[in-house]
Amino acid sequence: MAMIHGGQLSKIAEQYNIPETEWIDLSTGIAPFSYPVQCLPDHVWQNLPNVSTSLLTTARLYYQADYCWPLAGSQNLIEKLPMLWRQKCHPLLNRHVYLPKVGYKEHQQAWSNAGYQLHFYQQTLPTNIENNSVVVVINPNNPLTDVFSITQLKQLQQHCHQQQALLIIDEAFADIYDKAFSFVPQLNKVAITDTLILRSFGKFFGLAGLRVGFVCCQQAWYELIKENTGPWSVNGPALYITEQALQDKAWQAKQTLRLQQHSQSLKNLLAIYFPDARIEANALFITLFVDNAEVIYDQLCRKAVYVRLTDEKNALRFGIATEQQLIQLEKIMAKINLG
């Protein structure tokens, strides 16, 4: 069964019979400001894709990793992980996976499809896990925005190691935080091998259409993933642009500040029109918890504002708006019944 995500404007526009060009699309957690892509050299288009040494060096420096490998988006690996974990473990072992109850549902889908028994947690990381199981952490959580500290994750990693369990930490939105937020550098400090960190490129750099992500891990997993992703899984132009963007520290600093400022402006606007709602925010999306989320979602859509109604139907996730979108959104908010 296909999961429902944001970014399906064509479908929503058809449903509400409003041309796509008239919509304010805030349905994803992708930065509205994209890394500027220059004209690419001819060889990038003409040659088969090549994961160059310079790209790997650049990525290792950016993510602070000893080993990292590019993916056709982290989703590409999420779907493969049950199969890869079976290659490392006996296939007849009991299958248990621990996941956040609220979070990116493709993790749940992948392990459920592989026949795993699902166990859920939320604010508190699991402490009683089965041997040879799998633990998935989304840090920061999407859509809740809550985070776990390095200390909490180190304790979980040690517990997983004792239980011979696989720890997966999805850091798809981690680029908006200081480098110290990421768990990746911890992989270089211990001999624990079964920890994988997933990183997204497209969200922070505003280039989700390139479909690029990275996995950071230790050597054994690095070789296994490299072998199972094929020689040309990421296209050449995407690899070239990614390397340029990861090297551009000045643009990254500008992007971080810009996203923080626009996130605060959007949060302030939502607080005016939803004074009693719980609002959780980071620099890539804001989640608004309201009792009548489905009604408000429908009203916004009728005014050509597309946001993400969460799977639980109790909240709306707003992507960060540009200055012009914010002006339009404020005018629309003033005209509809949000009570």
C-alpha atoms as a PDB file:
ATOM      1  CA  MET A   1       0.000   0.000   0.000  1.00  0.00           C
ATOM      2  CA  ALA A   2       1.429   3.368  -1.022  1.00  0.00           C
ATOM      3  CA  MET A   3       1.952   5.865   1.773  1.00  0.00           C
ATOM      4  CA  ILE A   4       0.430   9.353   1.643  1.00  0.00           C
ATOM      5  CA  HIS A   5       3.006  12.151   1.606  1.00  0.00           C
ATOM      6  CA  GLY A   6       3.063  15.864   0.984  1.00  0.00           C
ATOM      7  CA  GLY A   7       4.157  17.124  -2.411  1.00  0.00           C
ATOM      8  CA  GLN A   8       1.182  15.695  -4.306  1.00  0.00           C
ATOM      9  CA  LEU A   9      -0.070  19.040  -5.578  1.00  0.00           C
ATOM     10  CA  SER A  10      -1.370  17.700  -8.903  1.00  0.00           C
ATOM     11  CA  LYS A  11      -3.665  15.283  -7.115  1.00  0.00           C
ATOM     12  CA  ILE A  12      -4.917  17.872  -4.610  1.00  0.00           C
ATOM     13  CA  ALA A  13      -5.388  20.550  -7.280  1.00  0.00           C
ATOM     14  CA  GLU A  14      -7.518  18.151  -9.310  1.00  0.00           C
ATOM     15  CA  GLN A  15      -9.515  17.152  -6.228  1.00  0.00           C
ATOM     16  CA  TYR A  16     -10.393  20.790  -5.440  1.00  0.00           C
ATOM     17  CA  ASN A  17     -10.632  21.832  -9.090  1.00  0.00           C
ATOM     18  CA  ILE A  18      -8.152  24.693  -8.705  1.00  0.00           C
ATOM     19  CA  PRO A  19      -5.287  25.108 -11.223  1.00  0.00           C
ATOM     20  CA  GLU A  20      -1.871  24.146  -9.828  1.00  0.00           C
ATOM     21  CA  THR A  21      -0.463  27.581 -10.613  1.00  0.00           C
ATOM     22  CA  GLU A  22      -2.808  29.206  -8.086  1.00  0.00           C
ATOM     23  CA  TRP A  23      -1.712  27.180  -5.056  1.00  0.00           C
ATOM     24  CA  ILE A  24       0.553  27.976  -2.122  1.00  0.00           C
ATOM     25  CA  ASP A  25       2.264  24.624  -1.631  1.00  0.00           C
ATOM     26  CA  LEU A  26       3.532  24.214   1.935  1.00  0.00           C
ATOM     27  CA  SER A  27       2.983  20.467   2.047  1.00  0.00           C
ATOM     28  CA  THR A  28       6.599  19.311   2.428  1.00  0.00           C
ATOM     29  CA  GLY A  29       9.532  19.882   4.766  1.00  0.00           C
ATOM     30  CA  ILE A  30      11.743  20.900   1.850  1.00  0.00           C
ATOM     31  CA  ALA A  31      13.454  24.286   1.991  1.00  0.00           C
ATOM     32  CA  PRO A  32      11.741  26.811  -0.314  1.00  0.00           C
ATOM     33  CA  PHE A  33      15.148  28.287  -1.166  1.00  0.00           C
ATOM     34  CA  SER A  34      17.234  26.043  -3.418  1.00  0.00           C
ATOM     35  CA  TYR A  35      20.964  25.841  -3.849  1.00  0.00           C
ATOM     36  CA  PRO A  36      21.687  27.678  -7.115  1.00  0.00           C
ATOM     37  CA  VAL A  37      22.511  25.189  -9.841  1.00  0.00           C
ATOM     38  CA  GLN A  38      24.874  26.532 -12.485  1.00  0.00           C
ATOM     39  CA  CYS A  39      25.315  25.283 -16.034  1.00  0.00           C
ATOM     40  CA  LEU A  40      26.859  21.828 -15.813  1.00  0.00           C
ATOM     41  CA  PRO A  41      29.876  20.682 -17.866  1.00  0.00           C
ATOM     42  CA  ASP A  42      29.027  18.502 -20.854  1.00  0.00           C
ATOM     43  CA  HIS A  43      30.867  15.492 -19.440  1.00  0.00           C
ATOM     44  CA  VAL A  44      28.446  15.374 -16.481  1.00  0.00           C
ATOM     45  CA  TRP A  45      25.624  14.639 -18.920  1.00  0.00           C
ATOM     46  CA  GLN A  46      27.593  12.463 -21.317  1.00  0.00           C
ATOM     47  CA  ASN A  47      29.445  10.137 -18.933  1.00  0.00           C
ATOM     48  CA  LEU A  48      28.030   7.335 -16.847  1.00  0.00           C
ATOM     49  CA  PRO A  49      27.585   8.366 -13.197  1.00  0.00           C
ATOM     50  CA  ASN A  50      30.704   7.991 -11.097  1.00  0.00           C
ATOM     51  CA  VAL A  51      30.895   8.248  -7.306  1.00  0.00           C
ATOM     52  CA  SER A  52      34.211  10.054  -7.274  1.00  0.00           C
ATOM     53  CA  THR A  53      36.811  10.107  -4.540  1.00  0.00           C
ATOM     54  CA  SER A  54      36.376  13.867  -4.303  1.00  0.00           C
ATOM     55  CA  LEU A  55      32.625  13.510  -3.651  1.00  0.00           C
ATOM     56  CA  LEU A  56      33.207  10.903  -0.948  1.00  0.00           C
ATOM     57  CA  THR A  57      35.867  13.080   0.675  1.00  0.00           C
ATOM     58  CA  THR A  58      33.552  16.088   0.579  1.00  0.00           C
ATOM     59  CA  ALA A  59      30.669  14.089   2.045  1.00  0.00           C
ATOM     60  CA  ARG A  60      32.829  12.610   4.808  1.00  0.00           C
ATOM     61  CA  LEU A  61      33.931  16.100   5.815  1.00  0.00           C
ATOM     62  CA  TYR A  62      30.405  17.508   5.711  1.00  0.00           C
ATOM     63  CA  TYR A  63      28.831  14.652   7.704  1.00  0.00           C
ATOM     64  CA  GLN A  64      31.918  14.075   9.924  1.00  0.00           C
ATOM     65  CA  ALA A  65      31.933  10.418   8.906  1.00  0.00           C
ATOM     66  CA  ASP A  66      34.658   7.855   8.316  1.00  0.00           C
ATOM     67  CA  TYR A  67      32.399   6.017   5.879  1.00  0.00           C
ATOM     68  CA  CYS A  68      29.412   7.361   3.951  1.00  0.00           C
ATOM     69  CA  TRP A  69      27.821   6.394   0.656  1.00  0.00           C
ATOM     70  CA  PRO A  70      25.432   8.310  -1.632  1.00  0.00           C
ATOM     71  CA  LEU A  71      21.935   6.986  -2.218  1.00  0.00           C
ATOM     72  CA  ALA A  72      19.070   7.782  -4.541  1.00  0.00           C
ATOM     73  CA  GLY A  73      17.414   9.428  -1.546  1.00  0.00           C
ATOM     74  CA  SER A  74      17.401   7.801   1.889  1.00  0.00           C
ATOM     75  CA  GLN A  75      14.064   6.204   0.956  1.00  0.00           C
ATOM     76  CA  ASN A  76      16.011   4.014  -1.453  1.00  0.00           C
ATOM     77  CA  LEU A  77      17.872   2.396   1.447  1.00  0.00           C
ATOM     78  CA  ILE A  78      14.909   2.311   3.836  1.00  0.00           C
ATOM     79  CA  GLU A  79      13.205  -0.114   1.457  1.00  0.00           C
ATOM     80  CA  LYS A  80      16.308  -2.314   1.213  1.00  0.00           C
ATOM     81  CA  LEU A  81      17.237  -2.502   4.892  1.00  0.00           C
ATOM     82  CA  PRO A  82      15.062  -5.516   5.849  1.00  0.00           C
ATOM     83  CA  MET A  83      16.745  -7.550   3.113  1.00  0.00           C
ATOM     84  CA  LEU A  84      20.220  -6.330   4.058  1.00  0.00           C
ATOM     85  CA  TRP A  85      19.655  -7.056   7.748  1.00  0.00           C
ATOM     86  CA  ARG A  86      18.600 -10.599   6.857  1.00  0.00           C
ATOM     87  CA  GLN A  87      21.924 -11.008   5.077  1.00  0.00           C
ATOM     88  CA  LYS A  88      23.723 -10.167   8.308  1.00  0.00           C
ATOM     89  CA  CYS A  89      21.439 -12.168  10.633  1.00  0.00           C
ATOM     90  CA  HIS A  90      19.984 -15.657  10.503  1.00  0.00           C
ATOM     91  CA  PRO A  91      16.708 -15.357   8.537  1.00  0.00           C
ATOM     92  CA  LEU A  92      14.785 -17.579  10.999  1.00  0.00           C
ATOM     93  CA  LEU A  93      15.438 -15.373  14.031  1.00  0.00           C
ATOM     94  CA  ASN A  94      12.462 -13.661  15.666  1.00  0.00           C
ATOM     95  CA  ARG A  95      11.707 -10.430  13.862  1.00  0.00           C
ATOM     96  CA  HIS A  96      10.968  -7.375  15.985  1.00  0.00           C
ATOM     97  CA  VAL A  97      11.263  -3.696  15.127  1.00  0.00           C
ATOM     98  CA  TYR A  98      10.824  -0.702  17.441  1.00  0.00           C
ATOM     99  CA  LEU A  99       9.579   2.513  15.849  1.00  0.00           C
ATOM    100  CA  PRO A 100       8.222   5.906  16.887  1.00  0.00           C
ATOM    101  CA  LYS A 101       4.423   5.758  16.956  1.00  0.00           C
ATOM    102  CA  VAL A 102       4.318   9.101  15.155  1.00  0.00           C
ATOM    103  CA  GLY A 103       6.987   9.603  12.510  1.00  0.00           C
ATOM    104  CA  TYR A 104       7.954   9.001   8.901  1.00  0.00           C
ATOM    105  CA  LYS A 105       5.753   6.029   8.055  1.00  0.00           C
ATOM    106  CA  GLU A 106       7.917   4.555   5.297  1.00  0.00           C
ATOM    107  CA  HIS A 107      10.097   2.984   8.007  1.00  0.00           C
ATOM    108  CA  GLN A 108       7.074   1.191   9.413  1.00  0.00           C
ATOM    109  CA  GLN A 109       5.934   0.176   5.941  1.00  0.00           C
ATOM    110  CA  ALA A 110       9.287  -1.369   5.015  1.00  0.00           C
ATOM    111  CA  TRP A 111       9.593  -3.515   8.144  1.00  0.00           C
ATOM    112  CA  SER A 112       5.915  -4.442   8.165  1.00  0.00           C
ATOM    113  CA  ASN A 113       6.173  -5.634   4.560  1.00  0.00           C
ATOM    114  CA  ALA A 114       9.141  -7.782   5.603  1.00  0.00           C
ATOM    115  CA  GLY A 115       7.024  -9.545   8.226  1.00  0.00           C
ATOM    116  CA  TYR A 116       8.388  -7.868  11.354  1.00  0.00           C
ATOM    117  CA  GLN A 117       6.384  -7.500  14.548  1.00  0.00           C
ATOM    118  CA  LEU A 118       5.971  -3.787  15.209  1.00  0.00           C
ATOM    119  CA  HIS A 119       6.520  -2.185  18.621  1.00  0.00           C
ATOM    120  CA  PHE A 120       5.963   1.543  19.174  1.00  0.00           C
ATOM    121  CA  TYR A 121       7.445   4.172  21.461  1.00  0.00           C
ATOM    122  CA  GLN A 122       7.505   7.986  21.392  1.00  0.00           C
ATOM    123  CA  GLN A 123       9.114  10.399  23.871  1.00  0.00           C
ATOM    124  CA  THR A 124      11.104   7.680  25.674  1.00  0.00           C
ATOM    125  CA  LEU A 125      13.523   5.472  23.752  1.00  0.00           C
ATOM    126  CA  PRO A 126      12.926   1.713  24.118  1.00  0.00           C
ATOM    127  CA  THR A 127      14.932  -0.038  26.844  1.00  0.00           C
ATOM    128  CA  ASN A 128      13.542  -3.565  26.681  1.00  0.00           C
ATOM    129  CA  ILE A 129      14.195  -4.932  23.197  1.00  0.00           C
ATOM    130  CA  GLU A 130      14.426  -8.411  21.748  1.00  0.00           C
ATOM    131  CA  ASN A 131      17.694  -9.984  20.668  1.00  0.00           C
ATOM    132  CA  ASN A 132      18.578  -9.387  16.998  1.00  0.00           C
ATOM    133  CA  SER A 133      15.824  -6.789  16.687  1.00  0.00           C
ATOM    134  CA  VAL A 134      15.792  -3.413  14.920  1.00  0.00           C
ATOM    135  CA  VAL A 135      15.334   0.024  16.504  1.00  0.00           C
ATOM    136  CA  VAL A 136      14.443   3.056  14.365  1.00  0.00           C
ATOM    137  CA  VAL A 137      14.926   6.596  15.697  1.00  0.00           C
ATOM    138  CA  ILE A 138      13.850   9.694  13.758  1.00  0.00           C
ATOM    139  CA  ASN A 139      15.892  12.636  15.014  1.00  0.00           C
ATOM    140  CA  PRO A 140      14.430  15.222  14.774  1.00  0.00           C
ATOM    141  CA  ASN A 141      11.055  13.586  14.538  1.00  0.00           C
ATOM    142  CA  ASN A 142       8.883  14.329  11.532  1.00  0.00           C
ATOM    143  CA  PRO A 143       6.246  15.708  12.114  1.00  0.00           C
ATOM    144  CA  LEU A 144       6.565  16.171  15.906  1.00  0.00           C
ATOM    145  CA  THR A 145       9.950  18.006  15.814  1.00  0.00           C
ATOM    146  CA  ASP A 146      11.071  16.436  19.136  1.00  0.00           C
ATOM    147  CA  VAL A 147      14.727  15.401  19.452  1.00  0.00           C
ATOM    148  CA  PHE A 148      16.929  13.015  21.410  1.00  0.00           C
ATOM    149  CA  SER A 149      20.314  13.969  22.847  1.00  0.00           C
ATOM    150  CA  ILE A 150      23.654  12.368  22.029  1.00  0.00           C
ATOM    151  CA  THR A 151      23.720  10.933  25.557  1.00  0.00           C
ATOM    152  CA  GLN A 152      20.328   9.280  25.101  1.00  0.00           C
ATOM    153  CA  LEU A 153      21.346   7.841  21.741  1.00  0.00           C
ATOM    154  CA  LYS A 154      24.667   6.535  23.063  1.00  0.00           C
ATOM    155  CA  GLN A 155      22.812   4.674  25.799  1.00  0.00           C
ATOM    156  CA  LEU A 156      20.432   3.208  23.235  1.00  0.00           C
ATOM    157  CA  GLN A 157      23.317   2.259  20.961  1.00  0.00           C
ATOM    158  CA  GLN A 158      25.014   0.380  23.789  1.00  0.00           C
ATOM    159  CA  HIS A 159      21.767  -1.404  24.622  1.00  0.00           C
ATOM    160  CA  CYS A 160      21.300  -2.391  20.979  1.00  0.00           C
ATOM    161  CA  HIS A 161      24.867  -3.678  20.877  1.00  0.00           C
ATOM    162  CA  GLN A 162      24.232  -5.883  23.911  1.00  0.00           C
ATOM    163  CA  GLN A 163      21.135  -7.297  22.218  1.00  0.00           C
ATOM    164  CA  GLN A 164      22.875  -7.674  18.824  1.00  0.00           C
ATOM    165  CA  ALA A 165      20.254  -5.316  17.418  1.00  0.00           C
ATOM    166  CA  LEU A 166      20.417  -2.918  14.489  1.00  0.00           C
ATOM    167  CA  LEU A 167      20.077   0.791  15.313  1.00  0.00           C
ATOM    168  CA  ILE A 168      18.871   3.090  12.517  1.00  0.00           C
ATOM    169  CA  ILE A 169      18.895   6.842  13.142  1.00  0.00           C
ATOM    170  CA  ASP A 170      17.095   8.892  10.508  1.00  0.00           C
ATOM    171  CA  GLU A 171      18.599  12.384  10.501  1.00  0.00           C
ATOM    172  CA  ALA A 172      16.774  13.620   7.408  1.00  0.00           C
ATOM    173  CA  PHE A 173      16.273  17.100   8.912  1.00  0.00           C
ATOM    174  CA  ALA A 174      19.523  17.339  10.899  1.00  0.00           C
ATOM    175  CA  ASP A 175      21.227  19.876   8.603  1.00  0.00           C
ATOM    176  CA  ILE A 176      19.344  22.731  10.273  1.00  0.00           C
ATOM    177  CA  TYR A 177      21.148  22.053  13.564  1.00  0.00           C
ATOM    178  CA  ASP A 178      24.752  22.571  14.646  1.00  0.00           C
ATOM    179  CA  LYS A 179      27.166  19.809  13.650  1.00  0.00           C
ATOM    180  CA  ALA A 180      27.230  18.610  17.271  1.00  0.00           C
ATOM    181  CA  PHE A 181      23.582  17.537  16.941  1.00  0.00           C
ATOM    182  CA  SER A 182      24.378  14.637  14.620  1.00  0.00           C
ATOM    183  CA  PHE A 183      25.198  11.183  15.934  1.00  0.00           C
ATOM    184  CA  VAL A 184      27.474  10.474  12.977  1.00  0.00           C
ATOM    185  CA  PRO A 185      30.772  11.410  14.735  1.00  0.00           C
ATOM    186  CA  GLN A 186      29.958   8.856  17.449  1.00  0.00           C
ATOM    187  CA  LEU A 187      30.357   6.076  14.868  1.00  0.00           C
ATOM    188  CA  ASN A 188      34.048   6.894  14.693  1.00  0.00           C
ATOM    189  CA  LYS A 189      34.577   6.535  18.459  1.00  0.00           C
ATOM    190  CA  VAL A 190      33.339   3.002  19.165  1.00  0.00           C
ATOM    191  CA  ALA A 191      33.693  -0.441  17.644  1.00  0.00           C
ATOM    192  CA  ILE A 192      29.922  -0.983  17.485  1.00  0.00           C
ATOM    193  CA  THR A 193      29.154  -1.914  13.896  1.00  0.00           C
ATOM    194  CA  ASP A 194      25.366  -2.152  13.605  1.00  0.00           C
ATOM    195  CA  THR A 195      24.450   1.541  13.639  1.00  0.00           C
ATOM    196  CA  LEU A 196      23.298   3.336  10.496  1.00  0.00           C
ATOM    197  CA  ILE A 197      22.699   7.080  10.133  1.00  0.00           C
ATOM    198  CA  LEU A 198      20.502   8.216   7.239  1.00  0.00           C
ATOM    199  CA  ARG A 199      20.981  11.744   5.919  1.00  0.00           C
ATOM    200  CA  SER A 200      18.890  13.600   3.361  1.00  0.00           C
ATOM    201  CA  PHE A 201      20.476  16.077   0.965  1.00  0.00           C
ATOM    202  CA  GLY A 202      17.425  17.515  -0.791  1.00  0.00           C
ATOM    203  CA  LYS A 203      15.548  18.957   2.198  1.00  0.00           C
ATOM    204  CA  PHE A 204      18.059  21.507   3.509  1.00  0.00           C
ATOM    205  CA  PHE A 205      19.494  22.314   0.086  1.00  0.00           C
ATOM    206  CA  GLY A 206      16.025  22.643  -1.464  1.00  0.00           C
ATOM    207  CA  LEU A 207      16.815  20.126  -4.198  1.00  0.00           C
ATOM    208  CA  ALA A 208      14.591  17.166  -3.380  1.00  0.00           C
ATOM    209  CA  GLY A 209      14.091  16.468  -7.082  1.00  0.00           C
ATOM    210  CA  LEU A 210      17.692  15.290  -7.349  1.00  0.00           C
ATOM    211  CA  ARG A 211      16.853  12.333  -5.071  1.00  0.00           C
ATOM    212  CA  VAL A 212      20.133  12.255  -3.153  1.00  0.00           C
ATOM    213  CA  GLY A 213      20.798  11.015   0.365  1.00  0.00           C
ATOM    214  CA  PHE A 214      23.690   9.472   2.261  1.00  0.00           C
ATOM    215  CA  VAL A 215      24.155   6.651   4.713  1.00  0.00           C
ATOM    216  CA  CYS A 216      26.890   7.008   7.324  1.00  0.00           C
ATOM    217  CA  CYS A 217      28.078   3.812   8.952  1.00  0.00           C
ATOM    218  CA  GLN A 218      31.110   1.665   9.680  1.00  0.00           C
ATOM    219  CA  GLN A 219      33.089  -0.282   7.111  1.00  0.00           C
ATOM    220  CA  ALA A 220      31.187  -3.595   7.051  1.00  0.00           C
ATOM    221  CA  TRP A 221      27.853  -1.907   6.388  1.00  0.00           C
ATOM    222  CA  TYR A 222      29.510   0.494   3.962  1.00  0.00           C
ATOM    223  CA  GLU A 223      30.717  -2.395   1.785  1.00  0.00           C
ATOM    224  CA  LEU A 224      27.380  -4.208   2.006  1.00  0.00           C
ATOM    225  CA  ILE A 225      25.340  -1.152   1.047  1.00  0.00           C
ATOM    226  CA  LYS A 226      27.737  -0.169  -1.714  1.00  0.00           C
ATOM    227  CA  GLU A 227      27.470  -3.652  -3.184  1.00  0.00           C
ATOM    228  CA  ASN A 228      23.666  -3.653  -3.057  1.00  0.00           C
ATOM    229  CA  THR A 229      22.919  -0.178  -4.447  1.00  0.00           C
ATOM    230  CA  GLY A 230      24.368  -0.853  -7.882  1.00  0.00           C
ATOM    231  CA  PRO A 231      26.915   1.117  -9.923  1.00  0.00           C
ATOM    232  CA  TRP A 232      24.641   3.939 -11.187  1.00  0.00           C
ATOM    233  CA  SER A 233      21.928   4.380  -8.578  1.00  0.00           C
ATOM    234  CA  VAL A 234      22.433   8.165  -8.391  1.00  0.00           C
ATOM    235  CA  ASN A 235      22.578  10.098 -11.652  1.00  0.00           C
ATOM    236  CA  GLY A 236      25.684  12.035 -12.682  1.00  0.00           C
ATOM    237  CA  PRO A 237      24.245  15.582 -12.564  1.00  0.00           C
ATOM    238  CA  ALA A 238      22.900  14.922  -9.057  1.00  0.00           C
ATOM    239  CA  LEU A 239      26.321  13.724  -7.861  1.00  0.00           C
ATOM    240  CA  TYR A 240      28.035  16.765  -9.374  1.00  0.00           C
ATOM    241  CA  ILE A 241      25.595  19.282  -7.867  1.00  0.00           C
ATOM    242  CA  THR A 242      25.708  17.559  -4.479  1.00  0.00           C
ATOM    243  CA  GLU A 243      29.481  17.850  -4.302  1.00  0.00           C
ATOM    244  CA  GLN A 244      29.353  21.569  -5.117  1.00  0.00           C
ATOM    245  CA  ALA A 245      26.655  22.237  -2.526  1.00  0.00           C
ATOM    246  CA  LEU A 246      28.332  20.283   0.262  1.00  0.00           C
ATOM    247  CA  GLN A 247      31.489  22.340  -0.247  1.00  0.00           C
ATOM    248  CA  ASP A 248      29.726  25.722  -0.189  1.00  0.00           C
ATOM    249  CA  LYS A 249      29.891  26.673   3.488  1.00  0.00           C
ATOM    250  CA  ALA A 250      28.990  30.325   2.881  1.00  0.00           C
ATOM    251  CA  TRP A 251      25.721  29.353   1.202  1.00  0.00           C
ATOM    252  CA  GLN A 252      24.988  26.820   3.966  1.00  0.00           C
ATOM    253  CA  ALA A 253      25.372  29.495   6.645  1.00  0.00           C
ATOM    254  CA  LYS A 254      23.105  31.837   4.685  1.00  0.00           C
ATOM    255  CA  GLN A 255      20.526  29.096   4.236  1.00  0.00           C
ATOM    256  CA  THR A 256      20.490  28.231   7.934  1.00  0.00           C
ATOM    257  CA  LEU A 257      19.873  31.832   8.987  1.00  0.00           C
ATOM    258  CA  ARG A 258      17.255  32.387   6.287  1.00  0.00           C
ATOM    259  CA  LEU A 259      15.311  29.260   7.255  1.00  0.00           C
ATOM    260  CA  GLN A 260      15.392  30.165  10.939  1.00  0.00           C
ATOM    261  CA  GLN A 261      14.052  33.652  10.229  1.00  0.00           C
ATOM    262  CA  HIS A 262      11.262  32.460   7.941  1.00  0.00           C
ATOM    263  CA  SER A 263      10.314  29.685  10.348  1.00  0.00           C
ATOM    264  CA  GLN A 264       9.915  32.205  13.153  1.00  0.00           C
ATOM    265  CA  SER A 265       7.796  34.483  10.938  1.00  0.00           C
ATOM    266  CA  LEU A 266       5.478  31.613  10.037  1.00  0.00           C
ATOM    267  CA  LYS A 267       5.265  30.484  13.650  1.00  0.00           C
ATOM    268  CA  ASN A 268       4.315  34.014  14.714  1.00  0.00           C
ATOM    269  CA  LEU A 269       1.575  34.127  12.081  1.00  0.00           C
ATOM    270  CA  LEU A 270       0.118  30.781  13.125  1.00  0.00           C
ATOM    271  CA  ALA A 271       0.182  31.817  16.782  1.00  0.00           C
ATOM    272  CA  ILE A 272      -1.996  34.831  15.932  1.00  0.00           C
ATOM    273  CA  TYR A 273      -4.694  32.806  14.185  1.00  0.00           C
ATOM    274  CA  PHE A 274      -4.445  29.717  16.428  1.00  0.00           C
ATOM    275  CA  PRO A 275      -3.764  31.173  19.901  1.00  0.00           C
ATOM    276  CA  ASP A 276      -4.893  28.033  21.741  1.00  0.00           C
ATOM    277  CA  ALA A 277      -3.104  25.502  19.548  1.00  0.00           C
ATOM    278  CA  ARG A 278       0.130  23.689  20.342  1.00  0.00           C
ATOM    279  CA  ILE A 279       2.766  24.707  17.820  1.00  0.00           C
ATOM    280  CA  GLU A 280       5.991  22.730  17.384  1.00  0.00           C
ATOM    281  CA  ALA A 281       8.601  24.179  15.057  1.00  0.00           C
ATOM    282  CA  ASN A 282      12.033  23.774  13.575  1.00  0.00           C
ATOM    283  CA  ALA A 283      13.699  25.535  10.658  1.00  0.00           C
ATOM    284  CA  LEU A 284      12.189  23.255   7.974  1.00  0.00           C
ATOM    285  CA  PHE A 285       8.596  22.729   9.111  1.00  0.00           C
ATOM    286  CA  ILE A 286       6.037  23.717  11.730  1.00  0.00           C
ATOM    287  CA  THR A 287       3.377  21.386  13.114  1.00  0.00           C
ATOM    288  CA  LEU A 288       0.110  22.815  14.357  1.00  0.00           C
ATOM    289  CA  PHE A 289      -1.899  20.592  16.709  1.00  0.00           C
ATOM    290  CA  VAL A 290      -5.613  21.439  16.618  1.00  0.00           C
ATOM    291  CA  ASP A 291      -8.797  19.491  17.411  1.00  0.00           C
ATOM    292  CA  ASN A 292     -10.406  20.269  14.045  1.00  0.00           C
ATOM    293  CA  ALA A 293      -7.335  19.649  11.875  1.00  0.00           C
ATOM    294  CA  GLU A 294      -9.287  17.942   9.079  1.00  0.00           C
ATOM    295  CA  VAL A 295     -11.776  20.815   8.841  1.00  0.00           C
ATOM    296  CA  ILE A 296      -9.030  23.437   8.737  1.00  0.00           C
ATOM    297  CA  TYR A 297      -7.113  21.392   6.169  1.00  0.00           C
ATOM    298  CA  ASP A 298     -10.197  21.354   3.921  1.00  0.00           C
ATOM    299  CA  GLN A 299     -10.791  25.081   4.363  1.00  0.00           C
ATOM    300  CA  LEU A 300      -7.188  25.877   3.473  1.00  0.00           C
ATOM    301  CA  CYS A 301      -7.371  23.660   0.404  1.00  0.00           C
ATOM    302  CA  ARG A 302     -10.520  25.443  -0.732  1.00  0.00           C
ATOM    303  CA  LYS A 303      -8.447  28.639  -0.675  1.00  0.00           C
ATOM    304  CA  ALA A 304      -5.608  26.917  -2.592  1.00  0.00           C
ATOM    305  CA  VAL A 305      -3.306  26.471   0.404  1.00  0.00           C
ATOM    306  CA  TYR A 306      -1.845  22.963   0.519  1.00  0.00           C
ATOM    307  CA  VAL A 307      -0.387  21.779   3.836  1.00  0.00           C
ATOM    308  CA  ARG A 308       0.179  18.279   5.168  1.00  0.00           C
ATOM    309  CA  LEU A 309      -2.575  16.689   7.223  1.00  0.00           C
ATOM    310  CA  THR A 310      -0.754  14.262   9.514  1.00  0.00           C
ATOM    311  CA  ASP A 311      -1.502  10.541   9.458  1.00  0.00           C
ATOM    312  CA  GLU A 312      -3.117  10.837  12.882  1.00  0.00           C
ATOM    313  CA  LYS A 313      -5.502  13.584  11.555  1.00  0.00           C
ATOM    314  CA  ASN A 314      -4.815  15.717  14.638  1.00  0.00           C
ATOM    315  CA  ALA A 315      -2.298  18.198  13.242  1.00  0.00           C
ATOM    316  CA  LEU A 316      -1.243  20.163  10.185  1.00  0.00           C
ATOM    317  CA  ARG A 317       2.375  20.381   9.089  1.00  0.00           C
ATOM    318  CA  PHE A 318       3.371  23.609   7.359  1.00  0.00           C
ATOM    319  CA  GLY A 319       6.509  23.808   5.261  1.00  0.00           C
ATOM    320  CA  ILE A 320       8.472  27.046   5.517  1.00  0.00           C
ATOM    321  CA  ALA A 321       6.950  29.864   3.467  1.00  0.00           C
ATOM    322  CA  THR A 322       8.748  32.441   1.370  1.00  0.00           C
ATOM    323  CA  GLU A 323       8.120  36.094   2.136  1.00  0.00           C
ATOM    324  CA  GLN A 324       5.578  36.387  -0.683  1.00  0.00           C
ATOM    325  CA  GLN A 325       3.817  33.183   0.377  1.00  0.00           C
ATOM    326  CA  LEU A 326       3.624  34.458   3.941  1.00  0.00           C
ATOM    327  CA  ILE A 327       1.899  37.647   2.796  1.00  0.00           C
ATOM    328  CA  GLN A 328      -0.610  35.616   0.775  1.00  0.00           C
ATOM    329  CA  LEU A 329      -1.150  33.181   3.639  1.00  0.00           C
ATOM    330  CA  GLU A 330      -1.934  35.959   6.092  1.00  0.00           C
ATOM    331  CA  LYS A 331      -4.594  37.384   3.765  1.00  0.00           C
ATOM    332  CA  ILE A 332      -6.166  33.943   3.380  1.00  0.00           C
ATOM    333  CA  MET A 333      -6.099  33.220   7.118  1.00  0.00           C
ATOM    334  CA  ALA A 334      -8.028  36.430   7.731  1.00  0.00           C
ATOM    335  CA  LYS A 335     -10.825  35.325   5.396  1.00  0.00           C
ATOM    336  CA  ILE A 336     -11.597  31.792   6.566  1.00  0.00           C
ATOM    337  CA  ASN A 337     -13.253  30.394   9.677  1.00  0.00           C
ATOM    338  CA  LEU A 338     -10.496  28.789  11.733  1.00  0.00           C
ATOM    339  CA  GLY A 339     -12.567  28.179  14.844  1.00  0.00           C
END
